[in-house]
C-alpha atoms as a PDB file:
ATOM      1  CA  MET A   1      25.812 -24.885  20.337  1.00  0.00           C
ATOM      2  CA  ASN A   2      27.589 -25.431  23.666  1.00  0.00           C
ATOM      3  CA  GLN A   3      31.269 -24.580  23.213  1.00  0.00           C
ATOM      4  CA  ALA A   4      34.043 -24.307  25.774  1.00  0.00           C
ATOM      5  CA  ILE A   5      35.799 -21.029  24.914  1.00  0.00           C
ATOM      6  CA  GLN A   6      38.982 -19.906  26.659  1.00  0.00           C
ATOM      7  CA  PHE A   7      41.248 -16.923  26.007  1.00  0.00           C
ATOM      8  CA  PRO A   8      44.868 -17.490  27.088  1.00  0.00           C
ATOM      9  CA  ASP A   9      46.880 -14.367  27.971  1.00  0.00           C
ATOM     10  CA  ASP A  10      49.049 -14.578  24.858  1.00  0.00           C
ATOM     11  CA  GLU A  11      48.246 -11.499  22.771  1.00  0.00           C
ATOM     12  CA  SER A  12      50.861  -9.961  20.500  1.00  0.00           C
ATOM     13  CA  TYR A  13      51.228  -7.090  18.066  1.00  0.00           C
ATOM     14  CA  ASP A  14      51.548  -8.180  14.423  1.00  0.00           C
ATOM     15  CA  ALA A  15      53.276  -5.395  12.475  1.00  0.00           C
ATOM     16  CA  GLU A  16      52.393  -6.933   9.097  1.00  0.00           C
ATOM     17  CA  ARG A  17      48.681  -6.859   9.926  1.00  0.00           C
ATOM     18  CA  ASP A  18      48.972  -3.728  12.132  1.00  0.00           C
ATOM     19  CA  ALA A  19      46.768  -5.558  14.610  1.00  0.00           C
ATOM     20  CA  ILE A  20      46.696  -7.106  18.034  1.00  0.00           C
ATOM     21  CA  CYS A  21      46.339 -10.860  17.574  1.00  0.00           C
ATOM     22  CA  PHE A  22      45.115 -13.082  20.368  1.00  0.00           C
ATOM     23  CA  PRO A  23      44.450 -16.807  20.524  1.00  0.00           C
ATOM     24  CA  VAL A  24      41.291 -18.524  21.643  1.00  0.00           C
ATOM     25  CA  LEU A  25      40.736 -22.177  22.468  1.00  0.00           C
ATOM     26  CA  VAL A  26      37.381 -23.530  21.328  1.00  0.00           C
ATOM     27  CA  ASN A  27      36.802 -27.042  22.641  1.00  0.00           C
ATOM     28  CA  GLY A  28      40.586 -27.400  22.791  1.00  0.00           C
ATOM     29  CA  LEU A  29      41.203 -26.208  19.200  1.00  0.00           C
ATOM     30  CA  ARG A  30      43.167 -23.003  18.707  1.00  0.00           C
ATOM     31  CA  LEU A  31      41.703 -20.177  16.635  1.00  0.00           C
ATOM     32  CA  ASN A  32      43.161 -16.741  16.009  1.00  0.00           C
ATOM     33  CA  CYS A  33      41.373 -13.498  16.769  1.00  0.00           C
ATOM     34  CA  ALA A  34      42.536 -10.015  15.861  1.00  0.00           C
ATOM     35  CA  ILE A  35      41.629  -6.366  16.026  1.00  0.00           C
ATOM     36  CA  SER A  36      43.404  -3.714  13.972  1.00  0.00           C
ATOM     37  CA  SER A  37      45.184  -0.800  15.597  1.00  0.00           C
ATOM     38  CA  GLU A  38      42.855   1.482  13.648  1.00  0.00           C
ATOM     39  CA  SER A  39      39.791  -0.245  15.135  1.00  0.00           C
ATOM     40  CA  LEU A  40      41.202   0.052  18.647  1.00  0.00           C
ATOM     41  CA  THR A  41      41.798   3.779  18.159  1.00  0.00           C
ATOM     42  CA  SER A  42      38.366   4.397  16.641  1.00  0.00           C
ATOM     43  CA  ARG A  43      36.694   2.616  19.554  1.00  0.00           C
ATOM     44  CA  PHE A  44      38.767   3.727  22.522  1.00  0.00           C
ATOM     45  CA  GLY A  45      40.688   6.855  21.491  1.00  0.00           C
ATOM     46  CA  GLU A  46      44.358   7.550  20.996  1.00  0.00           C
ATOM     47  CA  GLY A  47      46.932   5.311  22.614  1.00  0.00           C
ATOM     48  CA  GLU A  48      49.331   2.460  22.050  1.00  0.00           C
ATOM     49  CA  ALA A  49      47.488  -0.513  20.535  1.00  0.00           C
ATOM     50  CA  MET A  50      48.632  -3.104  23.082  1.00  0.00           C
ATOM     51  CA  ALA A  51      47.720  -0.854  26.014  1.00  0.00           C
ATOM     52  CA  LEU A  52      44.268  -0.188  24.537  1.00  0.00           C
ATOM     53  CA  PHE A  53      43.729  -3.909  23.979  1.00  0.00           C
ATOM     54  CA  GLN A  54      44.812  -4.833  27.503  1.00  0.00           C
ATOM     55  CA  HIS A  55      42.668  -2.118  29.072  1.00  0.00           C
ATOM     56  CA  HIS A  56      39.556  -3.289  27.176  1.00  0.00           C
ATOM     57  CA  ARG A  57      40.439  -6.975  27.043  1.00  0.00           C
ATOM     58  CA  TRP A  58      37.275  -8.333  28.726  1.00  0.00           C
ATOM     59  CA  ASP A  59      34.923  -6.448  26.398  1.00  0.00           C
ATOM     60  CA  LEU A  60      36.909  -7.514  23.324  1.00  0.00           C
ATOM     61  CA  GLU A  61      36.990 -11.163  24.433  1.00  0.00           C
ATOM     62  CA  GLU A  62      33.242 -11.052  25.015  1.00  0.00           C
ATOM     63  CA  GLU A  63      32.748  -9.683  21.497  1.00  0.00           C
ATOM     64  CA  ALA A  64      35.066 -12.348  20.078  1.00  0.00           C
ATOM     65  CA  GLU A  65      33.084 -15.032  21.906  1.00  0.00           C
ATOM     66  CA  VAL A  66      29.869 -13.832  20.241  1.00  0.00           C
ATOM     67  CA  ALA A  67      31.595 -13.855  16.830  1.00  0.00           C
ATOM     68  CA  ILE A  68      32.880 -17.395  17.465  1.00  0.00           C
ATOM     69  CA  ARG A  69      29.424 -18.643  18.425  1.00  0.00           C
ATOM     70  CA  GLN A  70      28.061 -17.048  15.223  1.00  0.00           C
ATOM     71  CA  GLU A  71      30.899 -18.692  13.252  1.00  0.00           C
ATOM     72  CA  MET A  72      32.105 -15.364  11.843  1.00  0.00           C
ATOM     73  CA  THR A  73      35.511 -16.536  10.641  1.00  0.00           C
ATOM     74  CA  ASP A  74      37.212 -15.184   7.516  1.00  0.00           C
ATOM     75  CA  ASP A  75      38.642 -17.279   4.669  1.00  0.00           C
ATOM     76  CA  GLN A  76      41.760 -18.068   6.713  1.00  0.00           C
ATOM     77  CA  GLY A  77      39.750 -19.082   9.782  1.00  0.00           C
ATOM     78  CA  TRP A  78      40.436 -15.868  11.728  1.00  0.00           C
ATOM     79  CA  ILE A  79      37.970 -13.894  13.808  1.00  0.00           C
ATOM     80  CA  TRP A  80      38.424 -10.155  13.095  1.00  0.00           C
ATOM     81  CA  LEU A  81      36.745  -7.683  15.419  1.00  0.00           C
ATOM     82  CA  SER A  82      35.405  -4.769  13.433  1.00  0.00           C
ATOM     83  CA  PRO A  83      35.623  -1.029  14.099  1.00  0.00           C
ATOM     84  CA  ALA A  84      33.127   0.783  16.299  1.00  0.00           C
ATOM     85  CA  ARG A  85      29.646   0.817  14.885  1.00  0.00           C
END
């Protein structure tokens, strides 16, 4: 499947989800991606969630792109990046 995938610089912290949420455009349609603060800490060590996300942004976007291509959305259509394996 050939999809045009773009990640705008529009991430935000969602206190209700305790996660960094970031949009992705797939063939012009907006999807939501997220990674929990807990997952960020387990992967990259202690630190403020937004700073950890921004420092590792390219790796996380690459992982999100793989999940999008594998159509790994949840019931609400979100892509959630999981904790370190």
